Amino acid sequence: MDQIHTDSVRRKYNRVALIYDLMESPMEMHKFDKHRRMVWSHARGKTLEVGVGTGKNIPYYPDNTSVTGIDFSERMLAKAVKRKEKLHHPVELRLMDAQRMDFPDNSFDTVVSTCVFCTVPDPILGLREIKRVCKPAGQVLMLEHVRSCRPLLGPLMDIINPVVRSLIGTNINRDTQNNIRQAGLQIKSVTPLWSDILFLIEALPGK
């Protein structure tokens, strides 16, 4: 893991934390709340949210789950704490890097991420950590976006990607499915949610 790169991305998220929800508002307008609700409806048992950000998923946590949320940005996490307090939700929030988690092996029944692994500096390292902390019979639920294969949209994303990376360190063109396989997770299903960009990926930790 390149700690310098990680620290650079963390600083970028700390810098934009105050306006991050506003920055995401165009995406939220495209039924994203519906996608969040759908992903979280599959969660069960002791659950980890990787990259809790400003806590936008907190309203969708199922009542039958015990959720821990982590994020490596202090200022993003501070906004999540405020959202938690406003909603009176018992979620445990912890400052932690997804690439190096403090949890013991086999800690969680479910691990969830929503548009996080476009940003984790070393995605395969982070995914290996998910595999480690997820119970062998557990599940991994990922709402993630990838580069479009469409002739106009794909090249447009190529043009936009360097700008987005310079602002907040996000790579909108990652091959997340391939990264999941390289990390040793087993993809159970892939459900397209918006065009060929946004997907729900269900994976198993395997052996």
C-alpha atoms as a PDB file:
ATOM      1  CA  MET A   1       0.000   0.000   0.000  1.00  0.00           C
ATOM      2  CA  ASP A   2       1.273   3.458  -0.912  1.00  0.00           C
ATOM      3  CA  GLN A   3       0.712   5.425   2.312  1.00  0.00           C
ATOM      4  CA  ILE A   4       1.521   8.698   0.576  1.00  0.00           C
ATOM      5  CA  HIS A   5      -1.273   8.058  -1.932  1.00  0.00           C
ATOM      6  CA  THR A   6      -3.671   7.056   0.833  1.00  0.00           C
ATOM      7  CA  ASP A   7      -2.907  10.215   2.803  1.00  0.00           C
ATOM      8  CA  SER A   8      -3.404  12.314  -0.334  1.00  0.00           C
ATOM      9  CA  VAL A   9      -6.870  10.849  -0.968  1.00  0.00           C
ATOM     10  CA  ARG A  10      -7.784  11.273   2.706  1.00  0.00           C
ATOM     11  CA  ARG A  11      -6.839  14.943   2.577  1.00  0.00           C
ATOM     12  CA  LYS A  12      -8.976  15.452  -0.515  1.00  0.00           C
ATOM     13  CA  TYR A  13     -12.022  13.946   1.190  1.00  0.00           C
ATOM     14  CA  ASN A  14     -11.419  15.994   4.318  1.00  0.00           C
ATOM     15  CA  ARG A  15     -11.259  19.080   2.127  1.00  0.00           C
ATOM     16  CA  VAL A  16     -14.601  18.438   0.363  1.00  0.00           C
ATOM     17  CA  ALA A  17     -16.480  16.894   3.310  1.00  0.00           C
ATOM     18  CA  LEU A  18     -18.474  20.051   3.983  1.00  0.00           C
ATOM     19  CA  ILE A  19     -19.934  20.116   0.448  1.00  0.00           C
ATOM     20  CA  TYR A  20     -19.722  16.413  -0.392  1.00  0.00           C
ATOM     21  CA  ASP A  21     -23.469  15.760  -0.167  1.00  0.00           C
ATOM     22  CA  LEU A  22     -24.090  18.704  -2.485  1.00  0.00           C
ATOM     23  CA  MET A  23     -21.498  17.358  -4.933  1.00  0.00           C
ATOM     24  CA  GLU A  24     -23.296  14.003  -5.004  1.00  0.00           C
ATOM     25  CA  SER A  25     -26.764  15.471  -5.401  1.00  0.00           C
ATOM     26  CA  PRO A  26     -26.974  14.968  -9.221  1.00  0.00           C
ATOM     27  CA  MET A  27     -26.347  11.240  -8.744  1.00  0.00           C
ATOM     28  CA  GLU A  28     -28.835  11.055  -5.873  1.00  0.00           C
ATOM     29  CA  MET A  29     -31.533  12.449  -8.136  1.00  0.00           C
ATOM     30  CA  HIS A  30     -31.333   9.348 -10.351  1.00  0.00           C
ATOM     31  CA  LYS A  31     -33.207   6.988  -8.000  1.00  0.00           C
ATOM     32  CA  PHE A  32     -30.061   6.396  -5.963  1.00  0.00           C
ATOM     33  CA  ASP A  33     -32.024   6.299  -2.716  1.00  0.00           C
ATOM     34  CA  LYS A  34     -33.984   3.394  -4.201  1.00  0.00           C
ATOM     35  CA  HIS A  35     -30.714   1.568  -4.987  1.00  0.00           C
ATOM     36  CA  ARG A  36     -29.400   2.169  -1.463  1.00  0.00           C
ATOM     37  CA  ARG A  37     -32.598   0.792   0.035  1.00  0.00           C
ATOM     38  CA  MET A  38     -32.478  -2.266  -2.214  1.00  0.00           C
ATOM     39  CA  VAL A  39     -28.851  -3.086  -1.347  1.00  0.00           C
ATOM     40  CA  TRP A  40     -29.446  -2.759   2.378  1.00  0.00           C
ATOM     41  CA  SER A  41     -32.579  -4.902   2.249  1.00  0.00           C
ATOM     42  CA  HIS A  42     -30.243  -7.882   1.703  1.00  0.00           C
ATOM     43  CA  ALA A  43     -28.067  -7.190   4.748  1.00  0.00           C
ATOM     44  CA  ARG A  44     -28.361  -9.494   7.745  1.00  0.00           C
ATOM     45  CA  GLY A  45     -26.739 -10.061  11.105  1.00  0.00           C
ATOM     46  CA  LYS A  46     -23.603  -8.280  12.207  1.00  0.00           C
ATOM     47  CA  THR A  47     -22.876  -5.886   9.335  1.00  0.00           C
ATOM     48  CA  LEU A  48     -19.925  -3.719   8.316  1.00  0.00           C
ATOM     49  CA  GLU A  49     -20.301  -0.703   6.054  1.00  0.00           C
ATOM     50  CA  VAL A  50     -16.972   0.068   4.409  1.00  0.00           C
ATOM     51  CA  GLY A  51     -16.650   3.737   3.510  1.00  0.00           C
ATOM     52  CA  VAL A  52     -19.609   5.083   5.479  1.00  0.00           C
ATOM     53  CA  GLY A  53     -18.789   8.605   4.269  1.00  0.00           C
ATOM     54  CA  THR A  54     -21.282  11.197   5.503  1.00  0.00           C
ATOM     55  CA  GLY A  55     -23.697   8.467   6.603  1.00  0.00           C
ATOM     56  CA  LYS A  56     -26.136   8.572   3.703  1.00  0.00           C
ATOM     57  CA  ASN A  57     -26.950   4.883   4.106  1.00  0.00           C
ATOM     58  CA  ILE A  58     -27.871   5.130   7.781  1.00  0.00           C
ATOM     59  CA  PRO A  59     -31.622   5.646   7.092  1.00  0.00           C
ATOM     60  CA  TYR A  60     -31.664   2.353   5.182  1.00  0.00           C
ATOM     61  CA  TYR A  61     -30.027   0.084   7.774  1.00  0.00           C
ATOM     62  CA  PRO A  62     -32.423  -2.821   8.502  1.00  0.00           C
ATOM     63  CA  ASP A  63     -33.736  -3.160  12.038  1.00  0.00           C
ATOM     64  CA  ASN A  64     -32.481  -6.745  12.278  1.00  0.00           C
ATOM     65  CA  THR A  65     -28.834  -5.788  11.748  1.00  0.00           C
ATOM     66  CA  SER A  66     -26.097  -4.519  14.035  1.00  0.00           C
ATOM     67  CA  VAL A  67     -24.071  -2.116  11.882  1.00  0.00           C
ATOM     68  CA  THR A  68     -20.534  -0.800  12.232  1.00  0.00           C
ATOM     69  CA  GLY A  69     -19.486   1.897   9.753  1.00  0.00           C
ATOM     70  CA  ILE A  70     -15.890   2.861   8.998  1.00  0.00           C
ATOM     71  CA  ASP A  71     -14.265   5.662   7.034  1.00  0.00           C
ATOM     72  CA  PHE A  72     -10.707   6.986   6.770  1.00  0.00           C
ATOM     73  CA  SER A  73     -11.725  10.651   6.489  1.00  0.00           C
ATOM     74  CA  GLU A  74     -12.147  12.371   9.857  1.00  0.00           C
ATOM     75  CA  ARG A  75     -14.360  15.121   8.477  1.00  0.00           C
ATOM     76  CA  MET A  76     -16.591  12.784   6.477  1.00  0.00           C
ATOM     77  CA  LEU A  77     -17.021  10.629   9.570  1.00  0.00           C
ATOM     78  CA  ALA A  78     -17.889  13.702  11.659  1.00  0.00           C
ATOM     79  CA  LYS A  79     -20.815  14.364   9.304  1.00  0.00           C
ATOM     80  CA  ALA A  80     -21.901  10.730   9.646  1.00  0.00           C
ATOM     81  CA  VAL A  81     -21.879  11.121  13.432  1.00  0.00           C
ATOM     82  CA  LYS A  82     -24.195  14.139  13.143  1.00  0.00           C
ATOM     83  CA  ARG A  83     -26.535  12.182  10.863  1.00  0.00           C
ATOM     84  CA  LYS A  84     -26.507   9.241  13.293  1.00  0.00           C
ATOM     85  CA  GLU A  85     -27.420  11.534  16.192  1.00  0.00           C
ATOM     86  CA  LYS A  86     -30.185  13.211  14.211  1.00  0.00           C
ATOM     87  CA  LEU A  87     -31.696   9.840  13.316  1.00  0.00           C
ATOM     88  CA  HIS A  88     -31.065   8.356  16.789  1.00  0.00           C
ATOM     89  CA  HIS A  89     -29.534   5.276  15.193  1.00  0.00           C
ATOM     90  CA  PRO A  90     -27.298   2.943  17.261  1.00  0.00           C
ATOM     91  CA  VAL A  91     -24.721   2.401  14.477  1.00  0.00           C
ATOM     92  CA  GLU A  92     -21.118   2.275  15.700  1.00  0.00           C
ATOM     93  CA  LEU A  93     -18.900   4.622  13.683  1.00  0.00           C
ATOM     94  CA  ARG A  94     -15.130   4.218  13.650  1.00  0.00           C
ATOM     95  CA  LEU A  95     -12.239   6.022  11.984  1.00  0.00           C
ATOM     96  CA  MET A  96     -10.483   3.268  10.050  1.00  0.00           C
ATOM     97  CA  ASP A  97      -8.758   2.567   6.725  1.00  0.00           C
ATOM     98  CA  ALA A  98     -10.483  -0.118   4.637  1.00  0.00           C
ATOM     99  CA  GLN A  99      -7.047  -1.279   3.472  1.00  0.00           C
ATOM    100  CA  ARG A 100      -5.992  -2.081   7.033  1.00  0.00           C
ATOM    101  CA  MET A 101      -8.916  -2.900   9.301  1.00  0.00           C
ATOM    102  CA  ASP A 102      -8.621  -3.443  13.041  1.00  0.00           C
ATOM    103  CA  PHE A 103     -11.269  -6.185  13.156  1.00  0.00           C
ATOM    104  CA  PRO A 104     -10.434  -9.859  13.818  1.00  0.00           C
ATOM    105  CA  ASP A 105     -10.876 -12.436  11.059  1.00  0.00           C
ATOM    106  CA  ASN A 106     -14.445 -13.650  10.416  1.00  0.00           C
ATOM    107  CA  SER A 107     -16.112 -10.772  12.290  1.00  0.00           C
ATOM    108  CA  PHE A 108     -19.133  -9.959  10.104  1.00  0.00           C
ATOM    109  CA  ASP A 109     -22.108 -11.724   8.535  1.00  0.00           C
ATOM    110  CA  THR A 110     -22.476  -9.004   5.879  1.00  0.00           C
ATOM    111  CA  VAL A 111     -20.101  -6.419   4.422  1.00  0.00           C
ATOM    112  CA  VAL A 112     -21.566  -3.548   2.374  1.00  0.00           C
ATOM    113  CA  SER A 113     -19.993  -0.859   0.210  1.00  0.00           C
ATOM    114  CA  THR A 114     -21.753   1.731  -1.933  1.00  0.00           C
ATOM    115  CA  CYS A 115     -19.596   3.500  -4.523  1.00  0.00           C
ATOM    116  CA  VAL A 116     -16.475   3.081  -2.404  1.00  0.00           C
ATOM    117  CA  PHE A 117     -14.059   0.917  -4.383  1.00  0.00           C
ATOM    118  CA  CYS A 118     -13.617   3.561  -7.041  1.00  0.00           C
ATOM    119  CA  THR A 119     -11.788   5.498  -4.306  1.00  0.00           C
ATOM    120  CA  VAL A 120      -9.910   3.017  -2.089  1.00  0.00           C
ATOM    121  CA  PRO A 121      -6.278   3.694  -3.115  1.00  0.00           C
ATOM    122  CA  ASP A 122      -5.408  -0.010  -3.378  1.00  0.00           C
ATOM    123  CA  PRO A 123      -8.764  -1.660  -4.152  1.00  0.00           C
ATOM    124  CA  ILE A 124      -7.462  -5.223  -4.169  1.00  0.00           C
ATOM    125  CA  LEU A 125      -5.901  -4.744  -0.735  1.00  0.00           C
ATOM    126  CA  GLY A 126      -9.191  -3.345   0.567  1.00  0.00           C
ATOM    127  CA  LEU A 127     -11.162  -6.207  -0.956  1.00  0.00           C
ATOM    128  CA  ARG A 128      -8.807  -8.737   0.602  1.00  0.00           C
ATOM    129  CA  GLU A 129      -9.503  -7.112   3.950  1.00  0.00           C
ATOM    130  CA  ILE A 130     -13.231  -7.509   3.304  1.00  0.00           C
ATOM    131  CA  LYS A 131     -12.659 -11.197   2.556  1.00  0.00           C
ATOM    132  CA  ARG A 132     -10.700 -11.535   5.804  1.00  0.00           C
ATOM    133  CA  VAL A 133     -13.252  -9.897   8.106  1.00  0.00           C
ATOM    134  CA  CYS A 134     -16.306 -11.524   6.499  1.00  0.00           C
ATOM    135  CA  LYS A 135     -17.394 -14.862   7.950  1.00  0.00           C
ATOM    136  CA  PRO A 136     -16.960 -17.886   5.636  1.00  0.00           C
ATOM    137  CA  ALA A 137     -20.742 -18.220   5.364  1.00  0.00           C
ATOM    138  CA  GLY A 138     -21.221 -14.453   5.079  1.00  0.00           C
ATOM    139  CA  GLN A 139     -21.968 -12.186   2.139  1.00  0.00           C
ATOM    140  CA  VAL A 140     -20.513  -9.101   0.468  1.00  0.00           C
ATOM    141  CA  LEU A 141     -22.876  -6.550  -1.115  1.00  0.00           C
ATOM    142  CA  MET A 142     -21.355  -3.888  -3.345  1.00  0.00           C
ATOM    143  CA  LEU A 143     -23.118  -1.054  -5.155  1.00  0.00           C
ATOM    144  CA  GLU A 144     -20.376   0.070  -7.529  1.00  0.00           C
ATOM    145  CA  HIS A 145     -19.930   1.951 -10.790  1.00  0.00           C
ATOM    146  CA  VAL A 146     -17.554   1.100 -13.652  1.00  0.00           C
ATOM    147  CA  ARG A 147     -16.521   2.505 -17.013  1.00  0.00           C
ATOM    148  CA  SER A 148     -19.238   2.345 -19.637  1.00  0.00           C
ATOM    149  CA  CYS A 149     -18.603   0.306 -22.789  1.00  0.00           C
ATOM    150  CA  ARG A 150     -20.888   2.523 -24.854  1.00  0.00           C
ATOM    151  CA  PRO A 151     -19.153   4.307 -27.763  1.00  0.00           C
ATOM    152  CA  LEU A 152     -19.901   7.852 -26.568  1.00  0.00           C
ATOM    153  CA  LEU A 153     -20.237   7.475 -22.814  1.00  0.00           C
ATOM    154  CA  GLY A 154     -17.052   5.418 -22.319  1.00  0.00           C
ATOM    155  CA  PRO A 155     -14.694   7.959 -23.963  1.00  0.00           C
ATOM    156  CA  LEU A 156     -16.500  10.778 -22.124  1.00  0.00           C
ATOM    157  CA  MET A 157     -15.750   9.038 -18.815  1.00  0.00           C
ATOM    158  CA  ASP A 158     -12.109   8.755 -19.937  1.00  0.00           C
ATOM    159  CA  ILE A 159     -12.003  12.519 -20.390  1.00  0.00           C
ATOM    160  CA  ILE A 160     -13.705  13.256 -17.053  1.00  0.00           C
ATOM    161  CA  ASN A 161     -11.753  10.700 -15.012  1.00  0.00           C
ATOM    162  CA  PRO A 162      -8.478  12.690 -14.585  1.00  0.00           C
ATOM    163  CA  VAL A 163     -10.446  15.697 -13.346  1.00  0.00           C
ATOM    164  CA  VAL A 164     -12.375  13.638 -10.805  1.00  0.00           C
ATOM    165  CA  ARG A 165      -9.179  11.919  -9.638  1.00  0.00           C
ATOM    166  CA  SER A 166      -7.431  15.250  -9.101  1.00  0.00           C
ATOM    167  CA  LEU A 167     -10.359  16.614  -7.079  1.00  0.00           C
ATOM    168  CA  ILE A 168     -11.221  13.708  -4.773  1.00  0.00           C
ATOM    169  CA  GLY A 169      -8.981  10.806  -5.766  1.00  0.00           C
ATOM    170  CA  THR A 170     -11.810   8.775  -7.307  1.00  0.00           C
ATOM    171  CA  ASN A 171     -11.159   6.561 -10.339  1.00  0.00           C
ATOM    172  CA  ILE A 172     -14.510   6.226 -12.119  1.00  0.00           C
ATOM    173  CA  ASN A 173     -13.099   3.736 -14.647  1.00  0.00           C
ATOM    174  CA  ARG A 174     -11.929   0.884 -12.406  1.00  0.00           C
ATOM    175  CA  ASP A 175     -12.582  -2.740 -13.379  1.00  0.00           C
ATOM    176  CA  THR A 176     -14.159  -3.575 -10.032  1.00  0.00           C
ATOM    177  CA  GLN A 177     -15.395  -7.033 -10.973  1.00  0.00           C
ATOM    178  CA  ASN A 178     -11.894  -8.091 -11.948  1.00  0.00           C
ATOM    179  CA  ASN A 179     -10.515  -6.576  -8.728  1.00  0.00           C
ATOM    180  CA  ILE A 180     -13.043  -8.582  -6.710  1.00  0.00           C
ATOM    181  CA  ARG A 181     -11.887 -11.800  -8.342  1.00  0.00           C
ATOM    182  CA  GLN A 182      -8.216 -10.934  -7.865  1.00  0.00           C
ATOM    183  CA  ALA A 183      -8.875 -10.410  -4.158  1.00  0.00           C
ATOM    184  CA  GLY A 184     -10.150 -13.983  -3.871  1.00  0.00           C
ATOM    185  CA  LEU A 185     -13.851 -13.220  -3.496  1.00  0.00           C
ATOM    186  CA  GLN A 186     -16.357 -15.260  -5.478  1.00  0.00           C
ATOM    187  CA  ILE A 187     -18.913 -13.263  -7.462  1.00  0.00           C
ATOM    188  CA  LYS A 188     -22.376 -14.732  -6.929  1.00  0.00           C
ATOM    189  CA  SER A 189     -24.414 -12.320  -9.049  1.00  0.00           C
ATOM    190  CA  VAL A 190     -24.148  -9.009 -10.902  1.00  0.00           C
ATOM    191  CA  THR A 191     -27.319  -6.950 -11.332  1.00  0.00           C
ATOM    192  CA  PRO A 192     -27.295  -3.870 -13.610  1.00  0.00           C
ATOM    193  CA  LEU A 193     -29.096  -0.913 -12.027  1.00  0.00           C
ATOM    194  CA  TRP A 194     -28.331   1.996 -14.356  1.00  0.00           C
ATOM    195  CA  SER A 195     -27.137   1.607 -17.954  1.00  0.00           C
ATOM    196  CA  ASP A 196     -23.873  -0.365 -18.014  1.00  0.00           C
ATOM    197  CA  ILE A 197     -22.326   1.800 -15.291  1.00  0.00           C
ATOM    198  CA  LEU A 198     -23.964   1.031 -11.938  1.00  0.00           C
ATOM    199  CA  PHE A 199     -24.234  -2.523 -10.611  1.00  0.00           C
ATOM    200  CA  LEU A 200     -25.176  -4.458  -7.508  1.00  0.00           C
ATOM    201  CA  ILE A 201     -22.510  -7.099  -7.040  1.00  0.00           C
ATOM    202  CA  GLU A 202     -23.108  -9.940  -4.597  1.00  0.00           C
ATOM    203  CA  ALA A 203     -20.005 -11.895  -3.618  1.00  0.00           C
ATOM    204  CA  LEU A 204     -19.007 -14.655  -1.238  1.00  0.00           C
ATOM    205  CA  PRO A 205     -15.791 -14.740   0.804  1.00  0.00           C
ATOM    206  CA  GLY A 206     -15.027 -18.305  -0.252  1.00  0.00           C
ATOM    207  CA  LYS A 207     -12.329 -20.297   1.492  1.00  0.00           C
END
